[in-house]
Each structure stands twice: as structure tokens, then as C-alpha cells.
Amino acid sequence: MSTTKIAPSHNPFAPELILDAKATLGEGALWDVTTKRLFWVDILQSQLHRFDPATKTDEVFDVGEHVGTVVTAAKGGVMLAVKRGFAHFNLETKVLKLVAEPEKGKDGLRFNDGKCDPKGRFWAGSYAYNDAPGAGTLFRLDPDGSVKVMEKNVTCSNGLAWDLWRRLFYFIDSGTKSIVAYDYNHADGAIDHKRVVVQCTPEDGVPDGMAIDVDGKLWVAHWGGSQIVRWDPDTGRALKRIKVPVSQPTALAFGGNRLDKLYITSARLGLTDAQLLKEPHAGGLFVVTPGICGVEQTPYAG
């Protein structure tokens, strides 16, 4: 497989603010290769956004409940992980239809980050509003509408990625401040042999959203760390660090015509007035040219 070389480690590019959204909790960045637009969410404002880089316009859809992430759907519209579970959202009629409610009857939970695996199965995890350790679960919604439990005792379900050879699944539970890998069976979606491949330090910040590039390296937004880090999952080492002008970057998506742009969401949640004076664009949407291309995301196949 051919690779695209990354720019020197001093990185001549800095993230550019492209939308001063002032999102409370921006998340769920996803590039739609069909429309050349970027989906993202503001979780606590119950909003789905669709940003057009060509016109710099941002459409806002009121979902009606907290929304953790978004993926495109092969049959049209988008799939969301909302407070109650997995749902389909019609972008034309603006109707939300709940598909599965795996945490029904459990109070104090909402869904957080999620993505589709290379076969179009939608993975997303739950999270406790009070940050209770181990209260969440990582679920998988299959194209036939069935839901499977993939991992239990999750504190804050965040970044997900699959390697280019469809043999590994990477996952971030922010509560552990680490990235773990599992052996992944592409045929049936099973995972096993969990192991830590990156252990972050307090200086790194908390690992949050994640994207993978064409060389199989992991790009992670570090909440509280004011940076994006390119990690090598084979060695556990940081290969590149890109500073961002906000303390709480949250999610990443490769986009653009060549998937050579890296879009970054961020949050204002919890920042004091004094902190916001120092980072007035917290909650904004940023883009940077990282020097390498990303991988196209698979739509939900159901």
C-alpha cells in the first residue's frame, strides 16, 4: 500500500478558525464525501450542524434531545447517537426516528462518540452525566437493527478507529487516559485481545476524539491539552503535536477533496469568564493541513 509522507515535525501550518460557533460541547466531526460538507454536533444544545467549507455556511438542525455523534446513512439521511440511543434523522423533513434504545430504563445516561466500522455497523457508547466511573457501555448497531454489547464498564466512550487492513479496532475510554487496541473480525464485527497501545500523561491532556490516516497512525484531540497529537499505535510514541488555540479540542475528521484537511471541533463547557477571555474562540470549528491524508468513513449500511 502506498503512503503519503507527513510534513517535518516542526509543522509550518497552524489551525485556522473557520467557524466561530461558540459551541457548548462541539463533537462528532464527520466528512461527507458525497456532498463535500462537514457534519458535527453540539451535544448539550441538541444540535446537528452541516458546514460547507466552500461557502462558509453552517446549517443547524434541532434534534430535540442531546446528540453525541453523527454518521451518514447509505439509504439517505444520517444516523445519530442521541440521549436515548440510536436514531435516524431525515435532513429534509427534520424528523427524528428512534431505531434502538439499548439503555432504556437507566437514568442519567446519554450517548457520546461513535463511528461506523468498515462493514457499515454503527458503534457508539453511553456515558453518565455525573461522570460515574464504568457506568457506560459500548454498543454496536448492526444493519439489521439488532444491537450488541461490545464493551462494558466504560467511563467516557470516545474515539474509535479501524485499521486499513480491517484487523484492528482502536478505542478511547477517556476515563482511562489511554488508547486500546483489539483484534477485529471484519466478517462478524467481534473484538478480543484488548491491550493498551498508547498511555497518555497528564501533560498530554485527556484523549477524546480520534481519526486514522493512510499510514495507520492515530490522530487524537486532547481535551485540556490544547493540542492534536499523531500517535504511533505500534510504538506508543507521539509522532507529531499540533497546538490549537483552545484548551478543549474534542473531535477530528479528515476532509476536503483529497481528505488532506483535518477538521477540529471544540468546547466551551466548564470554562470560566477569565478563561474565555484568553480563548475567545473556544467552541469554534478549526481546520489544519496536517501533511497526510485520512481515510474515508463508511456510512451506516442499514
C-alpha atoms as a PDB file:
ATOM      1  CA  MET A   1       0.000   0.000   0.000  1.00  0.00           C
ATOM      2  CA  SER A   2       1.423   3.398  -0.947  1.00  0.00           C
ATOM      3  CA  THR A   3       1.728   6.025   1.750  1.00  0.00           C
ATOM      4  CA  THR A   4       1.701   9.793   1.881  1.00  0.00           C
ATOM      5  CA  LYS A   5       4.632  11.246   3.812  1.00  0.00           C
ATOM      6  CA  ILE A   6       3.967  13.613   6.643  1.00  0.00           C
ATOM      7  CA  ALA A   7       5.475  17.091   6.785  1.00  0.00           C
ATOM      8  CA  PRO A   8       8.508  17.738   9.023  1.00  0.00           C
ATOM      9  CA  SER A   9       7.803  17.671  12.729  1.00  0.00           C
ATOM     10  CA  HIS A  10       8.092  21.451  13.087  1.00  0.00           C
ATOM     11  CA  ASN A  11       4.819  21.695  11.110  1.00  0.00           C
ATOM     12  CA  PRO A  12       4.593  25.030   9.278  1.00  0.00           C
ATOM     13  CA  PHE A  13       0.800  25.089   9.493  1.00  0.00           C
ATOM     14  CA  ALA A  14      -1.381  26.328  12.333  1.00  0.00           C
ATOM     15  CA  PRO A  15      -5.072  25.556  12.796  1.00  0.00           C
ATOM     16  CA  GLU A  16      -7.347  28.152  11.212  1.00  0.00           C
ATOM     17  CA  LEU A  17     -10.668  29.182  12.722  1.00  0.00           C
ATOM     18  CA  ILE A  18     -13.306  28.636  10.032  1.00  0.00           C
ATOM     19  CA  LEU A  19     -16.464  28.940  12.140  1.00  0.00           C
ATOM     20  CA  ASP A  20     -16.704  30.864  15.411  1.00  0.00           C
ATOM     21  CA  ALA A  21     -19.559  28.617  16.542  1.00  0.00           C
ATOM     22  CA  LYS A  22     -19.088  29.060  20.289  1.00  0.00           C
ATOM     23  CA  ALA A  23     -20.435  25.556  20.747  1.00  0.00           C
ATOM     24  CA  THR A  24     -21.050  24.418  24.297  1.00  0.00           C
ATOM     25  CA  LEU A  25     -19.790  20.923  23.522  1.00  0.00           C
ATOM     26  CA  GLY A  26     -18.836  20.551  19.854  1.00  0.00           C
ATOM     27  CA  GLU A  27     -18.231  16.923  18.875  1.00  0.00           C
ATOM     28  CA  GLY A  28     -18.831  14.200  16.287  1.00  0.00           C
ATOM     29  CA  ALA A  29     -16.925  15.640  13.304  1.00  0.00           C
ATOM     30  CA  LEU A  30     -17.656  13.670  10.101  1.00  0.00           C
ATOM     31  CA  TRP A  31     -16.787  14.490   6.486  1.00  0.00           C
ATOM     32  CA  ASP A  32     -19.465  13.619   3.903  1.00  0.00           C
ATOM     33  CA  VAL A  33     -17.543  12.735   0.728  1.00  0.00           C
ATOM     34  CA  THR A  34     -20.728  12.922  -1.371  1.00  0.00           C
ATOM     35  CA  THR A  35     -21.739  16.490  -0.547  1.00  0.00           C
ATOM     36  CA  LYS A  36     -18.247  17.763   0.422  1.00  0.00           C
ATOM     37  CA  ARG A  37     -19.615  19.077   3.692  1.00  0.00           C
ATOM     38  CA  LEU A  38     -18.755  18.513   7.325  1.00  0.00           C
ATOM     39  CA  PHE A  39     -21.266  17.211   9.850  1.00  0.00           C
ATOM     40  CA  TRP A  40     -20.726  17.921  13.537  1.00  0.00           C
ATOM     41  CA  VAL A  41     -22.841  18.211  16.678  1.00  0.00           C
ATOM     42  CA  ASP A  42     -23.232  20.450  19.713  1.00  0.00           C
ATOM     43  CA  ILE A  43     -24.172  17.780  22.221  1.00  0.00           C
ATOM     44  CA  LEU A  44     -25.768  19.812  25.003  1.00  0.00           C
ATOM     45  CA  GLN A  45     -27.571  22.192  22.636  1.00  0.00           C
ATOM     46  CA  SER A  46     -29.228  19.182  20.912  1.00  0.00           C
ATOM     47  CA  GLN A  47     -27.969  20.421  17.540  1.00  0.00           C
ATOM     48  CA  LEU A  48     -26.746  18.730  14.389  1.00  0.00           C
ATOM     49  CA  HIS A  49     -24.659  21.007  12.159  1.00  0.00           C
ATOM     50  CA  ARG A  50     -23.692  20.745   8.487  1.00  0.00           C
ATOM     51  CA  PHE A  51     -20.848  23.067   7.468  1.00  0.00           C
ATOM     52  CA  ASP A  52     -19.981  23.883   3.853  1.00  0.00           C
ATOM     53  CA  PRO A  53     -16.307  24.908   3.561  1.00  0.00           C
ATOM     54  CA  ALA A  54     -16.879  26.275   0.043  1.00  0.00           C
ATOM     55  CA  THR A  55     -19.438  28.861   1.170  1.00  0.00           C
ATOM     56  CA  LYS A  56     -18.526  29.036   4.896  1.00  0.00           C
ATOM     57  CA  THR A  57     -22.194  28.455   5.734  1.00  0.00           C
ATOM     58  CA  ASP A  58     -23.372  26.320   8.633  1.00  0.00           C
ATOM     59  CA  GLU A  59     -26.828  24.705   8.692  1.00  0.00           C
ATOM     60  CA  VAL A  60     -28.258  23.948  12.126  1.00  0.00           C
ATOM     61  CA  PHE A  61     -30.819  21.206  12.782  1.00  0.00           C
ATOM     62  CA  ASP A  62     -32.638  20.950  16.111  1.00  0.00           C
ATOM     63  CA  VAL A  63     -32.605  17.261  17.008  1.00  0.00           C
ATOM     64  CA  GLY A  64     -34.817  17.581  20.064  1.00  0.00           C
ATOM     65  CA  GLU A  65     -32.524  15.777  22.511  1.00  0.00           C
ATOM     66  CA  HIS A  66     -28.832  15.625  23.347  1.00  0.00           C
ATOM     67  CA  VAL A  67     -26.882  14.202  20.408  1.00  0.00           C
ATOM     68  CA  GLY A  68     -23.444  12.637  20.733  1.00  0.00           C
ATOM     69  CA  THR A  69     -22.368  11.879  17.189  1.00  0.00           C
ATOM     70  CA  VAL A  70     -23.430  11.515  13.551  1.00  0.00           C
ATOM     71  CA  VAL A  71     -22.719   9.121  10.668  1.00  0.00           C
ATOM     72  CA  THR A  72     -24.109   9.161   7.152  1.00  0.00           C
ATOM     73  CA  ALA A  73     -26.654   6.512   6.157  1.00  0.00           C
ATOM     74  CA  ALA A  74     -26.467   4.502   2.940  1.00  0.00           C
ATOM     75  CA  LYS A  75     -30.244   4.796   2.454  1.00  0.00           C
ATOM     76  CA  GLY A  76     -30.293   8.574   2.950  1.00  0.00           C
ATOM     77  CA  GLY A  77     -30.250  10.996   5.823  1.00  0.00           C
ATOM     78  CA  VAL A  78     -27.986  10.417   8.794  1.00  0.00           C
ATOM     79  CA  MET A  79     -27.816   8.176  11.830  1.00  0.00           C
ATOM     80  CA  LEU A  80     -27.313   9.741  15.239  1.00  0.00           C
ATOM     81  CA  ALA A  81     -26.372   8.562  18.707  1.00  0.00           C
ATOM     82  CA  VAL A  82     -28.786  10.595  20.819  1.00  0.00           C
ATOM     83  CA  LYS A  83     -29.566  10.629  24.538  1.00  0.00           C
ATOM     84  CA  ARG A  84     -31.929   7.639  24.265  1.00  0.00           C
ATOM     85  CA  GLY A  85     -29.951   5.549  21.785  1.00  0.00           C
ATOM     86  CA  PHE A  86     -29.571   5.112  18.027  1.00  0.00           C
ATOM     87  CA  ALA A  87     -31.820   7.160  15.739  1.00  0.00           C
ATOM     88  CA  HIS A  88     -32.288   8.111  12.096  1.00  0.00           C
ATOM     89  CA  PHE A  89     -32.631  11.780  11.174  1.00  0.00           C
ATOM     90  CA  ASN A  90     -34.237  12.888   7.907  1.00  0.00           C
ATOM     91  CA  LEU A  91     -32.431  16.032   6.758  1.00  0.00           C
ATOM     92  CA  GLU A  92     -35.346  17.082   4.540  1.00  0.00           C
ATOM     93  CA  THR A  93     -38.308  16.565   6.874  1.00  0.00           C
ATOM     94  CA  LYS A  94     -36.209  17.062  10.028  1.00  0.00           C
ATOM     95  CA  VAL A  95     -37.901  14.060  11.633  1.00  0.00           C
ATOM     96  CA  LEU A  96     -36.018  12.006  14.234  1.00  0.00           C
ATOM     97  CA  LYS A  97     -36.921   8.299  14.391  1.00  0.00           C
ATOM     98  CA  LEU A  98     -35.584   6.203  17.244  1.00  0.00           C
ATOM     99  CA  VAL A  99     -34.176   2.890  15.990  1.00  0.00           C
ATOM    100  CA  ALA A 100     -32.851   1.245  19.160  1.00  0.00           C
ATOM    101  CA  GLU A 101     -32.850   2.160  22.854  1.00  0.00           C
ATOM    102  CA  PRO A 102     -30.268  -0.156  24.481  1.00  0.00           C
ATOM    103  CA  GLU A 103     -30.029   1.850  27.744  1.00  0.00           C
ATOM    104  CA  LYS A 104     -33.796   2.135  28.245  1.00  0.00           C
ATOM    105  CA  GLY A 105     -34.775   2.409  31.893  1.00  0.00           C
ATOM    106  CA  LYS A 106     -31.372   3.663  33.028  1.00  0.00           C
ATOM    107  CA  ASP A 107     -31.432   7.238  34.281  1.00  0.00           C
ATOM    108  CA  GLY A 108     -28.590   9.727  33.975  1.00  0.00           C
ATOM    109  CA  LEU A 109     -27.034   8.378  30.778  1.00  0.00           C
ATOM    110  CA  ARG A 110     -26.614   9.734  27.266  1.00  0.00           C
ATOM    111  CA  PHE A 111     -24.770   8.552  24.176  1.00  0.00           C
ATOM    112  CA  ASN A 112     -21.435  10.090  23.245  1.00  0.00           C
ATOM    113  CA  ASP A 113     -18.978   9.498  20.393  1.00  0.00           C
ATOM    114  CA  GLY A 114     -19.381   6.866  17.678  1.00  0.00           C
ATOM    115  CA  LYS A 115     -18.479   5.765  14.133  1.00  0.00           C
ATOM    116  CA  CYS A 116     -19.228   3.050  11.603  1.00  0.00           C
ATOM    117  CA  ASP A 117     -16.866   0.153  11.112  1.00  0.00           C
ATOM    118  CA  PRO A 118     -15.676  -0.779   7.587  1.00  0.00           C
ATOM    119  CA  LYS A 119     -18.734  -3.010   7.088  1.00  0.00           C
ATOM    120  CA  GLY A 120     -21.246  -0.271   7.962  1.00  0.00           C
ATOM    121  CA  ARG A 121     -22.071  -1.269  11.545  1.00  0.00           C
ATOM    122  CA  PHE A 122     -22.631   1.764  13.822  1.00  0.00           C
ATOM    123  CA  TRP A 123     -20.664   1.719  17.095  1.00  0.00           C
ATOM    124  CA  ALA A 124     -21.388   4.227  19.878  1.00  0.00           C
ATOM    125  CA  GLY A 125     -21.018   4.300  23.646  1.00  0.00           C
ATOM    126  CA  SER A 126     -23.015   5.639  26.558  1.00  0.00           C
ATOM    127  CA  TYR A 127     -21.791   7.972  29.275  1.00  0.00           C
ATOM    128  CA  ALA A 128     -23.079   9.128  32.685  1.00  0.00           C
ATOM    129  CA  TYR A 129     -23.901  12.815  33.093  1.00  0.00           C
ATOM    130  CA  ASN A 130     -22.279  12.719  36.554  1.00  0.00           C
ATOM    131  CA  ASP A 131     -19.062  11.104  35.175  1.00  0.00           C
ATOM    132  CA  ALA A 132     -19.657   7.937  37.207  1.00  0.00           C
ATOM    133  CA  PRO A 133     -16.764   5.523  36.533  1.00  0.00           C
ATOM    134  CA  GLY A 134     -17.718   2.461  34.499  1.00  0.00           C
ATOM    135  CA  ALA A 135     -21.364   3.463  34.067  1.00  0.00           C
ATOM    136  CA  GLY A 136     -21.308   3.346  30.268  1.00  0.00           C
ATOM    137  CA  THR A 137     -21.338   0.640  27.620  1.00  0.00           C
ATOM    138  CA  LEU A 138     -20.023   0.460  24.060  1.00  0.00           C
ATOM    139  CA  PHE A 139     -22.754  -0.815  21.720  1.00  0.00           C
ATOM    140  CA  ARG A 140     -22.896  -1.834  18.053  1.00  0.00           C
ATOM    141  CA  LEU A 141     -25.965  -1.300  15.879  1.00  0.00           C
ATOM    142  CA  ASP A 142     -25.935  -3.794  13.006  1.00  0.00           C
ATOM    143  CA  PRO A 143     -27.575  -3.110   9.623  1.00  0.00           C
ATOM    144  CA  ASP A 144     -30.467  -5.416  10.538  1.00  0.00           C
ATOM    145  CA  GLY A 145     -31.305  -3.191  13.523  1.00  0.00           C
ATOM    146  CA  SER A 146     -30.015  -5.556  16.195  1.00  0.00           C
ATOM    147  CA  VAL A 147     -27.794  -4.189  18.968  1.00  0.00           C
ATOM    148  CA  LYS A 148     -24.811  -5.942  20.536  1.00  0.00           C
ATOM    149  CA  VAL A 149     -22.786  -5.073  23.634  1.00  0.00           C
ATOM    150  CA  MET A 150     -19.114  -4.706  22.668  1.00  0.00           C
ATOM    151  CA  GLU A 151     -17.540  -3.442  25.903  1.00  0.00           C
ATOM    152  CA  LYS A 152     -18.848  -2.886  29.435  1.00  0.00           C
ATOM    153  CA  ASN A 153     -17.719  -0.671  32.332  1.00  0.00           C
ATOM    154  CA  VAL A 154     -16.865   2.292  30.111  1.00  0.00           C
ATOM    155  CA  THR A 155     -16.495   5.671  31.813  1.00  0.00           C
ATOM    156  CA  CYS A 156     -16.440   8.058  28.834  1.00  0.00           C
ATOM    157  CA  SER A 157     -16.772   6.432  25.418  1.00  0.00           C
ATOM    158  CA  ASN A 158     -14.883   8.499  22.851  1.00  0.00           C
ATOM    159  CA  GLY A 159     -12.614   7.952  19.829  1.00  0.00           C
ATOM    160  CA  LEU A 160     -12.972   4.923  17.561  1.00  0.00           C
ATOM    161  CA  ALA A 161     -10.966   3.804  14.511  1.00  0.00           C
ATOM    162  CA  TRP A 162     -10.317   0.697  12.444  1.00  0.00           C
ATOM    163  CA  ASP A 163      -7.008  -0.007  10.720  1.00  0.00           C
ATOM    164  CA  LEU A 164      -6.780  -0.059   6.930  1.00  0.00           C
ATOM    165  CA  TRP A 165      -6.328  -3.825   6.833  1.00  0.00           C
ATOM    166  CA  ARG A 166      -9.523  -4.445   8.847  1.00  0.00           C
ATOM    167  CA  ARG A 167      -7.670  -6.393  11.521  1.00  0.00           C
ATOM    168  CA  LEU A 168      -7.608  -3.946  14.436  1.00  0.00           C
ATOM    169  CA  PHE A 169     -10.091  -1.779  16.303  1.00  0.00           C
ATOM    170  CA  TYR A 170      -8.856   1.213  18.328  1.00  0.00           C
ATOM    171  CA  PHE A 171     -10.903   2.726  21.135  1.00  0.00           C
ATOM    172  CA  ILE A 172     -10.619   5.533  23.668  1.00  0.00           C
ATOM    173  CA  ASP A 173     -12.325   5.429  27.038  1.00  0.00           C
ATOM    174  CA  SER A 174     -11.298   8.887  28.208  1.00  0.00           C
ATOM    175  CA  GLY A 175     -11.606   7.736  31.807  1.00  0.00           C
ATOM    176  CA  THR A 176      -8.523   5.532  31.333  1.00  0.00           C
ATOM    177  CA  LYS A 177      -6.476   8.259  29.552  1.00  0.00           C
ATOM    178  CA  SER A 178      -5.312   5.614  27.109  1.00  0.00           C
ATOM    179  CA  ILE A 179      -5.875   4.190  23.624  1.00  0.00           C
ATOM    180  CA  VAL A 180      -6.523   0.477  23.447  1.00  0.00           C
ATOM    181  CA  ALA A 181      -6.450  -1.925  20.522  1.00  0.00           C
ATOM    182  CA  TYR A 182      -8.468  -5.089  19.950  1.00  0.00           C
ATOM    183  CA  ASP A 183      -8.183  -7.782  17.329  1.00  0.00           C
ATOM    184  CA  TYR A 184     -11.132  -7.142  14.997  1.00  0.00           C
ATOM    185  CA  ASN A 185     -13.012  -9.708  12.920  1.00  0.00           C
ATOM    186  CA  HIS A 186     -14.339  -7.866   9.859  1.00  0.00           C
ATOM    187  CA  ALA A 187     -16.783 -10.647   8.968  1.00  0.00           C
ATOM    188  CA  ASP A 188     -18.800 -10.627  12.195  1.00  0.00           C
ATOM    189  CA  GLY A 189     -17.538  -7.490  13.974  1.00  0.00           C
ATOM    190  CA  ALA A 190     -16.229  -9.383  17.009  1.00  0.00           C
ATOM    191  CA  ILE A 191     -13.373  -7.909  19.053  1.00  0.00           C
ATOM    192  CA  ASP A 192     -10.984  -9.518  21.545  1.00  0.00           C
ATOM    193  CA  HIS A 193      -7.416  -9.444  22.951  1.00  0.00           C
ATOM    194  CA  LYS A 194      -7.681  -5.944  24.387  1.00  0.00           C
ATOM    195  CA  ARG A 195      -4.373  -4.179  25.098  1.00  0.00           C
ATOM    196  CA  VAL A 196      -3.132  -0.645  25.740  1.00  0.00           C
ATOM    197  CA  VAL A 197      -1.187   0.808  22.805  1.00  0.00           C
ATOM    198  CA  VAL A 198      -0.881   4.441  23.970  1.00  0.00           C
ATOM    199  CA  GLN A 199      -0.819   5.651  27.569  1.00  0.00           C
ATOM    200  CA  CYS A 200      -1.228   9.414  27.834  1.00  0.00           C
ATOM    201  CA  THR A 201       0.382  11.583  30.505  1.00  0.00           C
ATOM    202  CA  PRO A 202      -1.336  14.422  32.414  1.00  0.00           C
ATOM    203  CA  GLU A 203       0.680  16.860  30.294  1.00  0.00           C
ATOM    204  CA  ASP A 204      -0.894  15.432  27.115  1.00  0.00           C
ATOM    205  CA  GLY A 205      -4.429  16.216  28.228  1.00  0.00           C
ATOM    206  CA  VAL A 206      -7.287  13.705  28.137  1.00  0.00           C
ATOM    207  CA  PRO A 207      -7.641  11.748  24.854  1.00  0.00           C
ATOM    208  CA  ASP A 208     -11.013  12.449  23.233  1.00  0.00           C
ATOM    209  CA  GLY A 209     -11.967  12.108  19.540  1.00  0.00           C
ATOM    210  CA  MET A 210      -9.798  10.149  17.103  1.00  0.00           C
ATOM    211  CA  ALA A 211      -9.156   9.733  13.361  1.00  0.00           C
ATOM    212  CA  ILE A 212      -6.822   7.448  11.422  1.00  0.00           C
ATOM    213  CA  ASP A 213      -4.584   8.374   8.475  1.00  0.00           C
ATOM    214  CA  VAL A 214      -3.485   6.400   5.423  1.00  0.00           C
ATOM    215  CA  ASP A 215      -0.340   5.238   7.210  1.00  0.00           C
ATOM    216  CA  GLY A 216      -2.364   3.733  10.049  1.00  0.00           C
ATOM    217  CA  LYS A 217      -1.352   6.357  12.595  1.00  0.00           C
ATOM    218  CA  LEU A 218      -3.871   7.785  15.053  1.00  0.00           C
ATOM    219  CA  TRP A 219      -4.746  11.473  15.354  1.00  0.00           C
ATOM    220  CA  VAL A 220      -6.262  12.359  18.724  1.00  0.00           C
ATOM    221  CA  ALA A 221      -7.821  15.543  20.127  1.00  0.00           C
ATOM    222  CA  HIS A 222      -6.622  16.081  23.696  1.00  0.00           C
ATOM    223  CA  TRP A 223      -9.196  17.755  25.952  1.00  0.00           C
ATOM    224  CA  GLY A 224      -7.425  20.098  28.355  1.00  0.00           C
ATOM    225  CA  GLY A 225      -4.198  19.749  26.400  1.00  0.00           C
ATOM    226  CA  SER A 226      -4.726  22.403  23.689  1.00  0.00           C
ATOM    227  CA  GLN A 227      -3.356  20.023  21.096  1.00  0.00           C
ATOM    228  CA  ILE A 228      -3.845  17.387  18.440  1.00  0.00           C
ATOM    229  CA  VAL A 229      -1.381  14.501  18.628  1.00  0.00           C
ATOM    230  CA  ARG A 230      -0.424  11.962  15.982  1.00  0.00           C
ATOM    231  CA  TRP A 231       0.269   8.708  17.821  1.00  0.00           C
ATOM    232  CA  ASP A 232       2.022   5.584  16.538  1.00  0.00           C
ATOM    233  CA  PRO A 233      -0.023   2.643  17.871  1.00  0.00           C
ATOM    234  CA  ASP A 234       2.863   0.256  17.186  1.00  0.00           C
ATOM    235  CA  THR A 235       5.316   2.044  19.483  1.00  0.00           C
ATOM    236  CA  GLY A 236       3.058   4.181  21.690  1.00  0.00           C
ATOM    237  CA  ARG A 237       5.091   7.259  20.782  1.00  0.00           C
ATOM    238  CA  ALA A 238       3.871  10.720  19.786  1.00  0.00           C
ATOM    239  CA  LEU A 239       4.987  11.467  16.219  1.00  0.00           C
ATOM    240  CA  LYS A 240       3.611  14.980  15.860  1.00  0.00           C
ATOM    241  CA  ARG A 241       1.920  17.602  18.019  1.00  0.00           C
ATOM    242  CA  ILE A 242      -0.202  20.445  16.658  1.00  0.00           C
ATOM    243  CA  LYS A 243      -1.142  23.199  19.087  1.00  0.00           C
ATOM    244  CA  VAL A 244      -4.672  24.595  18.841  1.00  0.00           C
ATOM    245  CA  PRO A 245      -5.769  27.979  20.259  1.00  0.00           C
ATOM    246  CA  VAL A 246      -8.370  26.423  22.566  1.00  0.00           C
ATOM    247  CA  SER A 247      -7.920  24.239  25.623  1.00  0.00           C
ATOM    248  CA  GLN A 248     -10.682  21.743  24.815  1.00  0.00           C
ATOM    249  CA  PRO A 249     -10.425  20.270  21.302  1.00  0.00           C
ATOM    250  CA  THR A 250     -12.866  17.382  21.073  1.00  0.00           C
ATOM    251  CA  ALA A 251     -13.193  15.569  17.742  1.00  0.00           C
ATOM    252  CA  LEU A 252     -11.407  15.208  14.403  1.00  0.00           C
ATOM    253  CA  ALA A 253     -12.314  14.382  10.813  1.00  0.00           C
ATOM    254  CA  PHE A 254     -10.192  14.253   7.682  1.00  0.00           C
ATOM    255  CA  GLY A 255     -11.948  16.092   4.862  1.00  0.00           C
ATOM    256  CA  GLY A 256     -11.505  18.036   1.653  1.00  0.00           C
ATOM    257  CA  ASN A 257     -11.260  16.683  -1.884  1.00  0.00           C
ATOM    258  CA  ARG A 258      -8.171  14.607  -1.035  1.00  0.00           C
ATOM    259  CA  LEU A 259      -9.017  14.035   2.626  1.00  0.00           C
ATOM    260  CA  ASP A 260      -5.936  16.132   3.339  1.00  0.00           C
ATOM    261  CA  LYS A 261      -7.587  18.639   5.682  1.00  0.00           C
ATOM    262  CA  LEU A 262      -8.116  17.919   9.356  1.00  0.00           C
ATOM    263  CA  TYR A 263     -11.253  19.482  10.837  1.00  0.00           C
ATOM    264  CA  ILE A 264     -11.351  20.026  14.589  1.00  0.00           C
ATOM    265  CA  THR A 265     -14.333  20.679  16.889  1.00  0.00           C
ATOM    266  CA  SER A 266     -14.004  22.188  20.346  1.00  0.00           C
ATOM    267  CA  ALA A 267     -15.933  23.083  23.505  1.00  0.00           C
ATOM    268  CA  ARG A 268     -16.598  25.972  25.902  1.00  0.00           C
ATOM    269  CA  LEU A 269     -18.110  23.740  28.576  1.00  0.00           C
ATOM    270  CA  GLY A 270     -16.831  24.478  32.080  1.00  0.00           C
ATOM    271  CA  LEU A 271     -14.613  27.411  31.149  1.00  0.00           C
ATOM    272  CA  THR A 272     -14.721  30.472  33.397  1.00  0.00           C
ATOM    273  CA  ASP A 273     -15.149  34.029  32.129  1.00  0.00           C
ATOM    274  CA  ALA A 274     -11.441  34.592  32.716  1.00  0.00           C
ATOM    275  CA  GLN A 275     -10.554  31.517  30.660  1.00  0.00           C
ATOM    276  CA  LEU A 276     -12.881  32.572  27.845  1.00  0.00           C
ATOM    277  CA  LEU A 277     -11.115  35.936  27.678  1.00  0.00           C
ATOM    278  CA  LYS A 278      -7.895  34.030  26.958  1.00  0.00           C
ATOM    279  CA  GLU A 279      -9.523  31.714  24.402  1.00  0.00           C
ATOM    280  CA  PRO A 280     -12.441  33.632  22.859  1.00  0.00           C
ATOM    281  CA  HIS A 281     -12.837  31.097  20.045  1.00  0.00           C
ATOM    282  CA  ALA A 282     -13.446  28.134  22.353  1.00  0.00           C
ATOM    283  CA  GLY A 283     -16.266  26.091  20.867  1.00  0.00           C
ATOM    284  CA  GLY A 284     -15.138  27.032  17.373  1.00  0.00           C
ATOM    285  CA  LEU A 285     -14.518  24.862  14.322  1.00  0.00           C
ATOM    286  CA  PHE A 286     -10.932  24.756  13.067  1.00  0.00           C
ATOM    287  CA  VAL A 287      -9.046  23.262  10.120  1.00  0.00           C
ATOM    288  CA  VAL A 288      -5.383  22.444   9.587  1.00  0.00           C
ATOM    289  CA  THR A 289      -3.364  20.851   6.790  1.00  0.00           C
ATOM    290  CA  PRO A 290      -1.529  18.063   8.641  1.00  0.00           C
ATOM    291  CA  GLY A 291       0.680  16.820   5.793  1.00  0.00           C
ATOM    292  CA  ILE A 292      -1.017  13.466   5.304  1.00  0.00           C
ATOM    293  CA  CYS A 293      -4.369  12.169   4.054  1.00  0.00           C
ATOM    294  CA  GLY A 294      -7.077  10.458   6.040  1.00  0.00           C
ATOM    295  CA  VAL A 295      -9.416   7.552   5.359  1.00  0.00           C
ATOM    296  CA  GLU A 296     -12.974   7.794   4.023  1.00  0.00           C
ATOM    297  CA  GLN A 297     -15.624   6.923   6.601  1.00  0.00           C
ATOM    298  CA  THR A 298     -18.136   4.155   5.877  1.00  0.00           C
ATOM    299  CA  PRO A 299     -21.881   5.005   6.017  1.00  0.00           C
ATOM    300  CA  TYR A 300     -24.295   3.008   8.144  1.00  0.00           C
ATOM    301  CA  ALA A 301     -25.414   0.099   5.958  1.00  0.00           C
ATOM    302  CA  GLY A 302     -28.889  -0.383   7.433  1.00  0.00           C
END
